[in-house]
Amino acid sequence: MIVFVSGGAKNGKSGFAQDLAVKLAGGGKRYYVATMIPVDEEDHQRIRRHVADRAGLGFETIECGGDILSCLNYDKNGSFLLDSVTALLQNVMFPAEKNYEMDLQAAEKCAHDVAAFAKSVANAVIVSDYIYSDARRYDESTECYRRCLADIDRLLAKVCDTVIEVSAGQLIFHKGGLPE
Protein backbone atom coordinates (compact mmCIF):
# COMPACT_ATOMS: atom_id res chain seq x y z
CA MET A 1 0.00 0.00 0.00
CA ILE A 2 1.31 3.43 -0.96
CA VAL A 3 0.02 6.31 1.15
CA PHE A 4 0.55 10.01 0.50
CA VAL A 5 0.31 12.24 3.60
CA SER A 6 0.21 16.02 3.31
CA GLY A 7 -0.62 18.89 5.60
CA GLY A 8 0.68 22.02 7.24
CA ALA A 9 3.72 22.30 9.44
CA LYS A 10 3.51 20.88 12.94
CA ASN A 11 0.13 19.20 12.34
CA GLY A 12 1.16 15.68 13.30
CA LYS A 13 2.03 14.36 9.83
CA SER A 14 5.34 12.77 10.80
CA GLY A 15 4.03 10.99 13.88
CA PHE A 16 1.01 9.66 12.02
CA ALA A 17 3.14 8.61 9.03
CA GLN A 18 5.63 6.87 11.30
CA ASP A 19 2.92 4.85 13.06
CA LEU A 20 1.35 3.95 9.72
CA ALA A 21 4.69 2.80 8.24
CA VAL A 22 5.20 0.52 11.26
CA LYS A 23 1.70 -0.92 10.79
CA LEU A 24 2.24 -1.49 7.06
CA ALA A 25 5.56 -3.24 7.73
CA GLY A 26 4.06 -5.82 10.05
CA GLY A 27 7.09 -7.92 10.94
CA GLY A 28 9.01 -6.88 7.81
CA LYS A 29 11.78 -4.37 7.17
CA ARG A 30 11.21 -0.72 8.07
CA TYR A 31 13.11 2.03 6.32
CA TYR A 32 13.11 5.71 7.23
CA VAL A 33 14.14 7.72 4.16
CA ALA A 34 15.67 10.88 5.62
CA THR A 35 15.74 13.60 2.97
CA MET A 36 16.71 16.69 4.97
CA ILE A 37 20.22 18.01 4.48
CA PRO A 38 20.68 20.17 7.58
CA VAL A 39 21.98 23.69 7.12
CA ASP A 40 21.46 25.22 10.57
CA GLU A 41 20.86 24.36 14.20
CA GLU A 42 17.06 24.37 13.75
CA ASP A 43 17.43 21.62 11.13
CA HIS A 44 19.71 19.62 13.44
CA GLN A 45 17.17 19.95 16.27
CA ARG A 46 14.36 18.73 14.01
CA ILE A 47 16.45 15.73 12.96
CA ARG A 48 17.28 14.87 16.59
CA ARG A 49 13.58 15.08 17.48
CA HIS A 50 12.60 12.77 14.61
CA VAL A 51 15.34 10.28 15.52
CA ALA A 52 14.15 10.26 19.14
CA ASP A 53 10.52 9.83 18.04
CA ARG A 54 11.30 6.67 16.08
CA ALA A 55 13.73 5.17 18.60
CA GLY A 56 12.92 1.53 19.30
CA LEU A 57 10.56 1.19 16.32
CA GLY A 58 13.00 -0.82 14.21
CA PHE A 59 13.61 1.66 11.41
CA GLU A 60 16.80 1.51 9.39
CA THR A 61 17.65 5.04 8.31
CA ILE A 62 18.48 5.68 4.67
CA GLU A 63 20.10 9.10 4.20
CA CYS A 64 18.78 10.28 0.84
CA GLY A 65 19.09 13.96 0.12
CA GLY A 66 18.84 13.58 -3.64
CA ASP A 67 18.51 10.42 -5.69
CA ILE A 68 15.35 8.82 -4.29
CA LEU A 69 15.66 5.88 -6.68
CA SER A 70 18.79 4.79 -4.79
CA CYS A 71 16.36 3.55 -2.12
CA LEU A 72 15.34 0.81 -4.52
CA ASN A 73 18.62 -0.93 -3.62
CA TYR A 74 16.92 -1.93 -0.35
CA ASP A 75 14.25 -4.62 0.15
CA LYS A 76 11.35 -3.34 -1.99
CA ASN A 77 8.98 -5.51 0.06
CA GLY A 78 9.81 -3.53 3.18
CA SER A 79 7.92 -0.50 4.44
CA PHE A 80 9.38 2.89 3.53
CA LEU A 81 8.68 6.16 5.31
CA LEU A 82 9.83 8.99 3.04
CA ASP A 83 9.95 12.18 5.11
CA SER A 84 9.79 14.47 3.23
CA VAL A 85 9.22 15.31 -0.42
CA THR A 86 9.45 18.98 0.61
CA ALA A 87 13.08 18.66 1.69
CA LEU A 88 13.97 16.33 -1.18
CA LEU A 89 12.71 18.84 -3.75
CA GLN A 90 14.55 21.69 -2.04
CA ASN A 91 17.80 19.72 -2.13
CA VAL A 92 17.62 18.90 -5.83
CA MET A 93 16.06 22.14 -7.01
CA PHE A 94 18.54 24.38 -5.18
CA PRO A 95 21.70 22.25 -4.96
CA ALA A 96 24.55 23.45 -2.75
CA GLU A 97 27.10 22.30 -5.31
CA LYS A 98 25.59 24.80 -7.79
CA ASN A 99 25.57 27.67 -5.26
CA TYR A 100 21.85 27.13 -4.66
CA GLU A 101 20.98 28.22 -8.21
CA MET A 102 17.52 26.99 -9.18
CA ASP A 103 17.54 23.85 -11.35
CA LEU A 104 14.11 23.26 -12.92
CA GLN A 105 15.26 20.14 -14.78
CA ALA A 106 16.23 18.59 -11.44
CA ALA A 107 12.78 19.45 -10.08
CA GLU A 108 11.11 17.72 -13.02
CA LYS A 109 13.36 14.67 -12.58
CA CYS A 110 12.52 14.63 -8.85
CA ALA A 111 8.80 14.46 -9.67
CA HIS A 112 9.35 11.57 -12.08
CA ASP A 113 11.64 9.73 -9.63
CA VAL A 114 9.32 10.08 -6.62
CA ALA A 115 6.44 8.68 -8.67
CA ALA A 116 8.65 5.83 -9.93
CA PHE A 117 9.71 5.09 -6.34
CA ALA A 118 6.06 4.96 -5.24
CA LYS A 119 5.25 2.52 -8.05
CA SER A 120 8.25 0.27 -7.25
CA VAL A 121 7.86 -0.58 -3.57
CA ALA A 122 5.27 -2.67 -1.78
CA ASN A 123 4.58 -0.26 1.07
CA ALA A 124 5.42 3.40 1.50
CA VAL A 125 4.21 6.39 3.41
CA ILE A 126 5.28 9.55 1.61
CA VAL A 127 5.11 12.84 3.51
CA SER A 128 4.91 16.33 2.00
CA ASP A 129 4.18 19.77 3.38
CA TYR A 130 1.16 21.69 2.17
CA ILE A 131 2.96 25.02 1.65
CA TYR A 132 1.40 26.31 -1.54
CA SER A 133 -2.11 27.42 -0.63
CA ASP A 134 -1.72 30.71 1.20
CA ALA A 135 -2.53 33.98 -0.55
CA ARG A 136 0.82 35.63 0.11
CA ARG A 137 3.09 36.21 -2.90
CA TYR A 138 6.75 35.35 -2.49
CA ASP A 139 9.84 36.00 -4.60
CA GLU A 140 10.04 34.29 -7.99
CA SER A 141 12.21 31.35 -6.92
CA THR A 142 10.02 30.56 -3.89
CA GLU A 143 6.87 30.71 -6.01
CA CYS A 144 8.50 28.38 -8.55
CA TYR A 145 9.45 25.97 -5.75
CA ARG A 146 5.89 26.01 -4.41
CA ARG A 147 4.50 25.28 -7.89
CA CYS A 148 6.94 22.41 -8.36
CA LEU A 149 6.01 20.92 -4.98
CA ALA A 150 2.31 21.23 -5.81
CA ASP A 151 2.97 19.46 -9.13
CA ILE A 152 4.74 16.60 -7.34
CA ASP A 153 1.97 16.35 -4.77
CA ARG A 154 -0.69 16.15 -7.51
CA LEU A 155 1.32 13.42 -9.24
CA LEU A 156 1.63 11.50 -5.97
CA ALA A 157 -2.10 11.85 -5.38
CA LYS A 158 -2.66 10.10 -8.72
CA VAL A 159 -0.25 7.21 -8.18
CA CYS A 160 -0.82 6.52 -4.47
CA ASP A 161 -3.50 4.18 -3.16
CA THR A 162 -4.47 6.51 -0.33
CA VAL A 163 -4.22 10.29 0.03
CA ILE A 164 -4.57 11.84 3.49
CA GLU A 165 -4.37 15.43 4.62
CA VAL A 166 -3.48 16.05 8.25
CA SER A 167 -5.00 19.25 9.58
CA ALA A 168 -4.79 20.19 13.26
CA GLY A 169 -4.14 16.52 14.04
CA GLN A 170 -7.28 15.37 12.19
CA LEU A 171 -7.13 13.02 9.22
CA ILE A 172 -8.98 14.03 6.06
CA PHE A 173 -9.16 11.22 3.49
CA HIS A 174 -9.14 12.42 -0.12
CA LYS A 175 -8.63 9.00 -1.71
CA GLY A 176 -8.68 5.40 -0.52
CA GLY A 177 -8.51 4.20 3.05
CA LEU A 178 -6.29 2.39 5.50
CA PRO A 179 -5.99 -1.29 6.37
CA GLU A 180 -7.76 -2.45 9.51
C-alpha atoms as a PDB file:
ATOM      1  CA  MET A   1       0.000   0.000   0.000  1.00  0.00           C
ATOM      2  CA  ILE A   2       1.305   3.426  -0.963  1.00  0.00           C
ATOM      3  CA  VAL A   3       0.016   6.309   1.153  1.00  0.00           C
ATOM      4  CA  PHE A   4       0.551  10.010   0.497  1.00  0.00           C
ATOM      5  CA  VAL A   5       0.312  12.237   3.595  1.00  0.00           C
ATOM      6  CA  SER A   6       0.213  16.021   3.310  1.00  0.00           C
ATOM      7  CA  GLY A   7      -0.624  18.889   5.598  1.00  0.00           C
ATOM      8  CA  GLY A   8       0.677  22.022   7.237  1.00  0.00           C
ATOM      9  CA  ALA A   9       3.724  22.300   9.441  1.00  0.00           C
ATOM     10  CA  LYS A  10       3.512  20.877  12.944  1.00  0.00           C
ATOM     11  CA  ASN A  11       0.128  19.197  12.339  1.00  0.00           C
ATOM     12  CA  GLY A  12       1.162  15.676  13.304  1.00  0.00           C
ATOM     13  CA  LYS A  13       2.032  14.356   9.830  1.00  0.00           C
ATOM     14  CA  SER A  14       5.342  12.775  10.799  1.00  0.00           C
ATOM     15  CA  GLY A  15       4.032  10.986  13.880  1.00  0.00           C
ATOM     16  CA  PHE A  16       1.010   9.660  12.021  1.00  0.00           C
ATOM     17  CA  ALA A  17       3.139   8.612   9.033  1.00  0.00           C
ATOM     18  CA  GLN A  18       5.632   6.868  11.302  1.00  0.00           C
ATOM     19  CA  ASP A  19       2.923   4.854  13.056  1.00  0.00           C
ATOM     20  CA  LEU A  20       1.354   3.946   9.721  1.00  0.00           C
ATOM     21  CA  ALA A  21       4.691   2.801   8.240  1.00  0.00           C
ATOM     22  CA  VAL A  22       5.195   0.525  11.260  1.00  0.00           C
ATOM     23  CA  LYS A  23       1.703  -0.919  10.792  1.00  0.00           C
ATOM     24  CA  LEU A  24       2.237  -1.491   7.063  1.00  0.00           C
ATOM     25  CA  ALA A  25       5.556  -3.241   7.730  1.00  0.00           C
ATOM     26  CA  GLY A  26       4.060  -5.824  10.051  1.00  0.00           C
ATOM     27  CA  GLY A  27       7.090  -7.923  10.936  1.00  0.00           C
ATOM     28  CA  GLY A  28       9.011  -6.875   7.808  1.00  0.00           C
ATOM     29  CA  LYS A  29      11.783  -4.368   7.173  1.00  0.00           C
ATOM     30  CA  ARG A  30      11.212  -0.725   8.067  1.00  0.00           C
ATOM     31  CA  TYR A  31      13.107   2.033   6.324  1.00  0.00           C
ATOM     32  CA  TYR A  32      13.108   5.706   7.226  1.00  0.00           C
ATOM     33  CA  VAL A  33      14.136   7.715   4.156  1.00  0.00           C
ATOM     34  CA  ALA A  34      15.669  10.880   5.622  1.00  0.00           C
ATOM     35  CA  THR A  35      15.740  13.597   2.974  1.00  0.00           C
ATOM     36  CA  MET A  36      16.708  16.694   4.965  1.00  0.00           C
ATOM     37  CA  ILE A  37      20.217  18.013   4.477  1.00  0.00           C
ATOM     38  CA  PRO A  38      20.675  20.168   7.584  1.00  0.00           C
ATOM     39  CA  VAL A  39      21.975  23.691   7.124  1.00  0.00           C
ATOM     40  CA  ASP A  40      21.457  25.220  10.566  1.00  0.00           C
ATOM     41  CA  GLU A  41      20.856  24.361  14.203  1.00  0.00           C
ATOM     42  CA  GLU A  42      17.063  24.368  13.754  1.00  0.00           C
ATOM     43  CA  ASP A  43      17.430  21.622  11.131  1.00  0.00           C
ATOM     44  CA  HIS A  44      19.708  19.617  13.436  1.00  0.00           C
ATOM     45  CA  GLN A  45      17.168  19.951  16.274  1.00  0.00           C
ATOM     46  CA  ARG A  46      14.364  18.731  14.014  1.00  0.00           C
ATOM     47  CA  ILE A  47      16.448  15.725  12.960  1.00  0.00           C
ATOM     48  CA  ARG A  48      17.280  14.874  16.593  1.00  0.00           C
ATOM     49  CA  ARG A  49      13.576  15.077  17.483  1.00  0.00           C
ATOM     50  CA  HIS A  50      12.598  12.766  14.613  1.00  0.00           C
ATOM     51  CA  VAL A  51      15.344  10.278  15.520  1.00  0.00           C
ATOM     52  CA  ALA A  52      14.153  10.257  19.135  1.00  0.00           C
ATOM     53  CA  ASP A  53      10.519   9.829  18.038  1.00  0.00           C
ATOM     54  CA  ARG A  54      11.296   6.667  16.081  1.00  0.00           C
ATOM     55  CA  ALA A  55      13.732   5.168  18.601  1.00  0.00           C
ATOM     56  CA  GLY A  56      12.922   1.532  19.300  1.00  0.00           C
ATOM     57  CA  LEU A  57      10.564   1.191  16.323  1.00  0.00           C
ATOM     58  CA  GLY A  58      13.004  -0.822  14.210  1.00  0.00           C
ATOM     59  CA  PHE A  59      13.606   1.663  11.409  1.00  0.00           C
ATOM     60  CA  GLU A  60      16.800   1.508   9.390  1.00  0.00           C
ATOM     61  CA  THR A  61      17.647   5.041   8.307  1.00  0.00           C
ATOM     62  CA  ILE A  62      18.481   5.683   4.667  1.00  0.00           C
ATOM     63  CA  GLU A  63      20.101   9.103   4.197  1.00  0.00           C
ATOM     64  CA  CYS A  64      18.780  10.278   0.844  1.00  0.00           C
ATOM     65  CA  GLY A  65      19.085  13.962   0.121  1.00  0.00           C
ATOM     66  CA  GLY A  66      18.844  13.583  -3.640  1.00  0.00           C
ATOM     67  CA  ASP A  67      18.514  10.419  -5.694  1.00  0.00           C
ATOM     68  CA  ILE A  68      15.353   8.820  -4.294  1.00  0.00           C
ATOM     69  CA  LEU A  69      15.656   5.884  -6.675  1.00  0.00           C
ATOM     70  CA  SER A  70      18.795   4.789  -4.792  1.00  0.00           C
ATOM     71  CA  CYS A  71      16.363   3.549  -2.118  1.00  0.00           C
ATOM     72  CA  LEU A  72      15.341   0.807  -4.520  1.00  0.00           C
ATOM     73  CA  ASN A  73      18.618  -0.932  -3.624  1.00  0.00           C
ATOM     74  CA  TYR A  74      16.915  -1.932  -0.350  1.00  0.00           C
ATOM     75  CA  ASP A  75      14.246  -4.618   0.150  1.00  0.00           C
ATOM     76  CA  LYS A  76      11.345  -3.345  -1.991  1.00  0.00           C
ATOM     77  CA  ASN A  77       8.976  -5.508   0.062  1.00  0.00           C
ATOM     78  CA  GLY A  78       9.811  -3.528   3.177  1.00  0.00           C
ATOM     79  CA  SER A  79       7.923  -0.504   4.444  1.00  0.00           C
ATOM     80  CA  PHE A  80       9.382   2.891   3.531  1.00  0.00           C
ATOM     81  CA  LEU A  81       8.678   6.162   5.307  1.00  0.00           C
ATOM     82  CA  LEU A  82       9.831   8.995   3.036  1.00  0.00           C
ATOM     83  CA  ASP A  83       9.952  12.180   5.106  1.00  0.00           C
ATOM     84  CA  SER A  84       9.788  14.470   3.227  1.00  0.00           C
ATOM     85  CA  VAL A  85       9.219  15.310  -0.418  1.00  0.00           C
ATOM     86  CA  THR A  86       9.445  18.976   0.610  1.00  0.00           C
ATOM     87  CA  ALA A  87      13.084  18.658   1.687  1.00  0.00           C
ATOM     88  CA  LEU A  88      13.971  16.333  -1.181  1.00  0.00           C
ATOM     89  CA  LEU A  89      12.712  18.838  -3.745  1.00  0.00           C
ATOM     90  CA  GLN A  90      14.551  21.689  -2.035  1.00  0.00           C
ATOM     91  CA  ASN A  91      17.804  19.715  -2.130  1.00  0.00           C
ATOM     92  CA  VAL A  92      17.619  18.899  -5.829  1.00  0.00           C
ATOM     93  CA  MET A  93      16.062  22.144  -7.007  1.00  0.00           C
ATOM     94  CA  PHE A  94      18.542  24.384  -5.175  1.00  0.00           C
ATOM     95  CA  PRO A  95      21.704  22.250  -4.965  1.00  0.00           C
ATOM     96  CA  ALA A  96      24.546  23.451  -2.747  1.00  0.00           C
ATOM     97  CA  GLU A  97      27.100  22.302  -5.310  1.00  0.00           C
ATOM     98  CA  LYS A  98      25.585  24.796  -7.787  1.00  0.00           C
ATOM     99  CA  ASN A  99      25.575  27.674  -5.263  1.00  0.00           C
ATOM    100  CA  TYR A 100      21.850  27.126  -4.658  1.00  0.00           C
ATOM    101  CA  GLU A 101      20.977  28.222  -8.206  1.00  0.00           C
ATOM    102  CA  MET A 102      17.518  26.993  -9.183  1.00  0.00           C
ATOM    103  CA  ASP A 103      17.536  23.849 -11.348  1.00  0.00           C
ATOM    104  CA  LEU A 104      14.113  23.262 -12.918  1.00  0.00           C
ATOM    105  CA  GLN A 105      15.260  20.144 -14.780  1.00  0.00           C
ATOM    106  CA  ALA A 106      16.229  18.588 -11.441  1.00  0.00           C
ATOM    107  CA  ALA A 107      12.778  19.455 -10.079  1.00  0.00           C
ATOM    108  CA  GLU A 108      11.114  17.719 -13.021  1.00  0.00           C
ATOM    109  CA  LYS A 109      13.356  14.672 -12.577  1.00  0.00           C
ATOM    110  CA  CYS A 110      12.524  14.631  -8.850  1.00  0.00           C
ATOM    111  CA  ALA A 111       8.802  14.463  -9.674  1.00  0.00           C
ATOM    112  CA  HIS A 112       9.348  11.573 -12.076  1.00  0.00           C
ATOM    113  CA  ASP A 113      11.635   9.732  -9.633  1.00  0.00           C
ATOM    114  CA  VAL A 114       9.323  10.084  -6.624  1.00  0.00           C
ATOM    115  CA  ALA A 115       6.436   8.676  -8.666  1.00  0.00           C
ATOM    116  CA  ALA A 116       8.649   5.833  -9.931  1.00  0.00           C
ATOM    117  CA  PHE A 117       9.713   5.092  -6.344  1.00  0.00           C
ATOM    118  CA  ALA A 118       6.058   4.962  -5.242  1.00  0.00           C
ATOM    119  CA  LYS A 119       5.255   2.521  -8.051  1.00  0.00           C
ATOM    120  CA  SER A 120       8.249   0.268  -7.254  1.00  0.00           C
ATOM    121  CA  VAL A 121       7.855  -0.577  -3.566  1.00  0.00           C
ATOM    122  CA  ALA A 122       5.268  -2.674  -1.778  1.00  0.00           C
ATOM    123  CA  ASN A 123       4.584  -0.255   1.072  1.00  0.00           C
ATOM    124  CA  ALA A 124       5.420   3.402   1.497  1.00  0.00           C
ATOM    125  CA  VAL A 125       4.209   6.390   3.411  1.00  0.00           C
ATOM    126  CA  ILE A 126       5.278   9.552   1.612  1.00  0.00           C
ATOM    127  CA  VAL A 127       5.114  12.842   3.506  1.00  0.00           C
ATOM    128  CA  SER A 128       4.913  16.325   1.996  1.00  0.00           C
ATOM    129  CA  ASP A 129       4.177  19.773   3.381  1.00  0.00           C
ATOM    130  CA  TYR A 130       1.158  21.693   2.172  1.00  0.00           C
ATOM    131  CA  ILE A 131       2.956  25.021   1.655  1.00  0.00           C
ATOM    132  CA  TYR A 132       1.396  26.307  -1.538  1.00  0.00           C
ATOM    133  CA  SER A 133      -2.109  27.422  -0.634  1.00  0.00           C
ATOM    134  CA  ASP A 134      -1.718  30.705   1.200  1.00  0.00           C
ATOM    135  CA  ALA A 135      -2.529  33.981  -0.548  1.00  0.00           C
ATOM    136  CA  ARG A 136       0.823  35.627   0.111  1.00  0.00           C
ATOM    137  CA  ARG A 137       3.086  36.208  -2.902  1.00  0.00           C
ATOM    138  CA  TYR A 138       6.755  35.345  -2.494  1.00  0.00           C
ATOM    139  CA  ASP A 139       9.837  36.000  -4.603  1.00  0.00           C
ATOM    140  CA  GLU A 140      10.036  34.287  -7.991  1.00  0.00           C
ATOM    141  CA  SER A 141      12.214  31.347  -6.923  1.00  0.00           C
ATOM    142  CA  THR A 142      10.020  30.565  -3.892  1.00  0.00           C
ATOM    143  CA  GLU A 143       6.872  30.711  -6.013  1.00  0.00           C
ATOM    144  CA  CYS A 144       8.504  28.382  -8.552  1.00  0.00           C
ATOM    145  CA  TYR A 145       9.452  25.972  -5.752  1.00  0.00           C
ATOM    146  CA  ARG A 146       5.894  26.006  -4.407  1.00  0.00           C
ATOM    147  CA  ARG A 147       4.498  25.281  -7.887  1.00  0.00           C
ATOM    148  CA  CYS A 148       6.943  22.408  -8.365  1.00  0.00           C
ATOM    149  CA  LEU A 149       6.007  20.923  -4.984  1.00  0.00           C
ATOM    150  CA  ALA A 150       2.310  21.234  -5.814  1.00  0.00           C
ATOM    151  CA  ASP A 151       2.966  19.459  -9.127  1.00  0.00           C
ATOM    152  CA  ILE A 152       4.743  16.604  -7.341  1.00  0.00           C
ATOM    153  CA  ASP A 153       1.967  16.348  -4.772  1.00  0.00           C
ATOM    154  CA  ARG A 154      -0.693  16.147  -7.511  1.00  0.00           C
ATOM    155  CA  LEU A 155       1.315  13.423  -9.243  1.00  0.00           C
ATOM    156  CA  LEU A 156       1.630  11.499  -5.973  1.00  0.00           C
ATOM    157  CA  ALA A 157      -2.097  11.852  -5.376  1.00  0.00           C
ATOM    158  CA  LYS A 158      -2.660  10.095  -8.715  1.00  0.00           C
ATOM    159  CA  VAL A 159      -0.248   7.206  -8.182  1.00  0.00           C
ATOM    160  CA  CYS A 160      -0.816   6.518  -4.472  1.00  0.00           C
ATOM    161  CA  ASP A 161      -3.504   4.179  -3.156  1.00  0.00           C
ATOM    162  CA  THR A 162      -4.470   6.510  -0.326  1.00  0.00           C
ATOM    163  CA  VAL A 163      -4.222  10.294   0.031  1.00  0.00           C
ATOM    164  CA  ILE A 164      -4.567  11.839   3.489  1.00  0.00           C
ATOM    165  CA  GLU A 165      -4.374  15.429   4.617  1.00  0.00           C
ATOM    166  CA  VAL A 166      -3.483  16.048   8.252  1.00  0.00           C
ATOM    167  CA  SER A 167      -5.004  19.252   9.579  1.00  0.00           C
ATOM    168  CA  ALA A 168      -4.786  20.189  13.262  1.00  0.00           C
ATOM    169  CA  GLY A 169      -4.145  16.522  14.039  1.00  0.00           C
ATOM    170  CA  GLN A 170      -7.275  15.371  12.188  1.00  0.00           C
ATOM    171  CA  LEU A 171      -7.133  13.022   9.218  1.00  0.00           C
ATOM    172  CA  ILE A 172      -8.981  14.033   6.055  1.00  0.00           C
ATOM    173  CA  PHE A 173      -9.161  11.224   3.494  1.00  0.00           C
ATOM    174  CA  HIS A 174      -9.144  12.422  -0.121  1.00  0.00           C
ATOM    175  CA  LYS A 175      -8.634   9.001  -1.705  1.00  0.00           C
ATOM    176  CA  GLY A 176      -8.684   5.405  -0.524  1.00  0.00           C
ATOM    177  CA  GLY A 177      -8.515   4.195   3.049  1.00  0.00           C
ATOM    178  CA  LEU A 178      -6.287   2.391   5.504  1.00  0.00           C
ATOM    179  CA  PRO A 179      -5.989  -1.290   6.374  1.00  0.00           C
ATOM    180  CA  GLU A 180      -7.756  -2.455   9.508  1.00  0.00           C
END
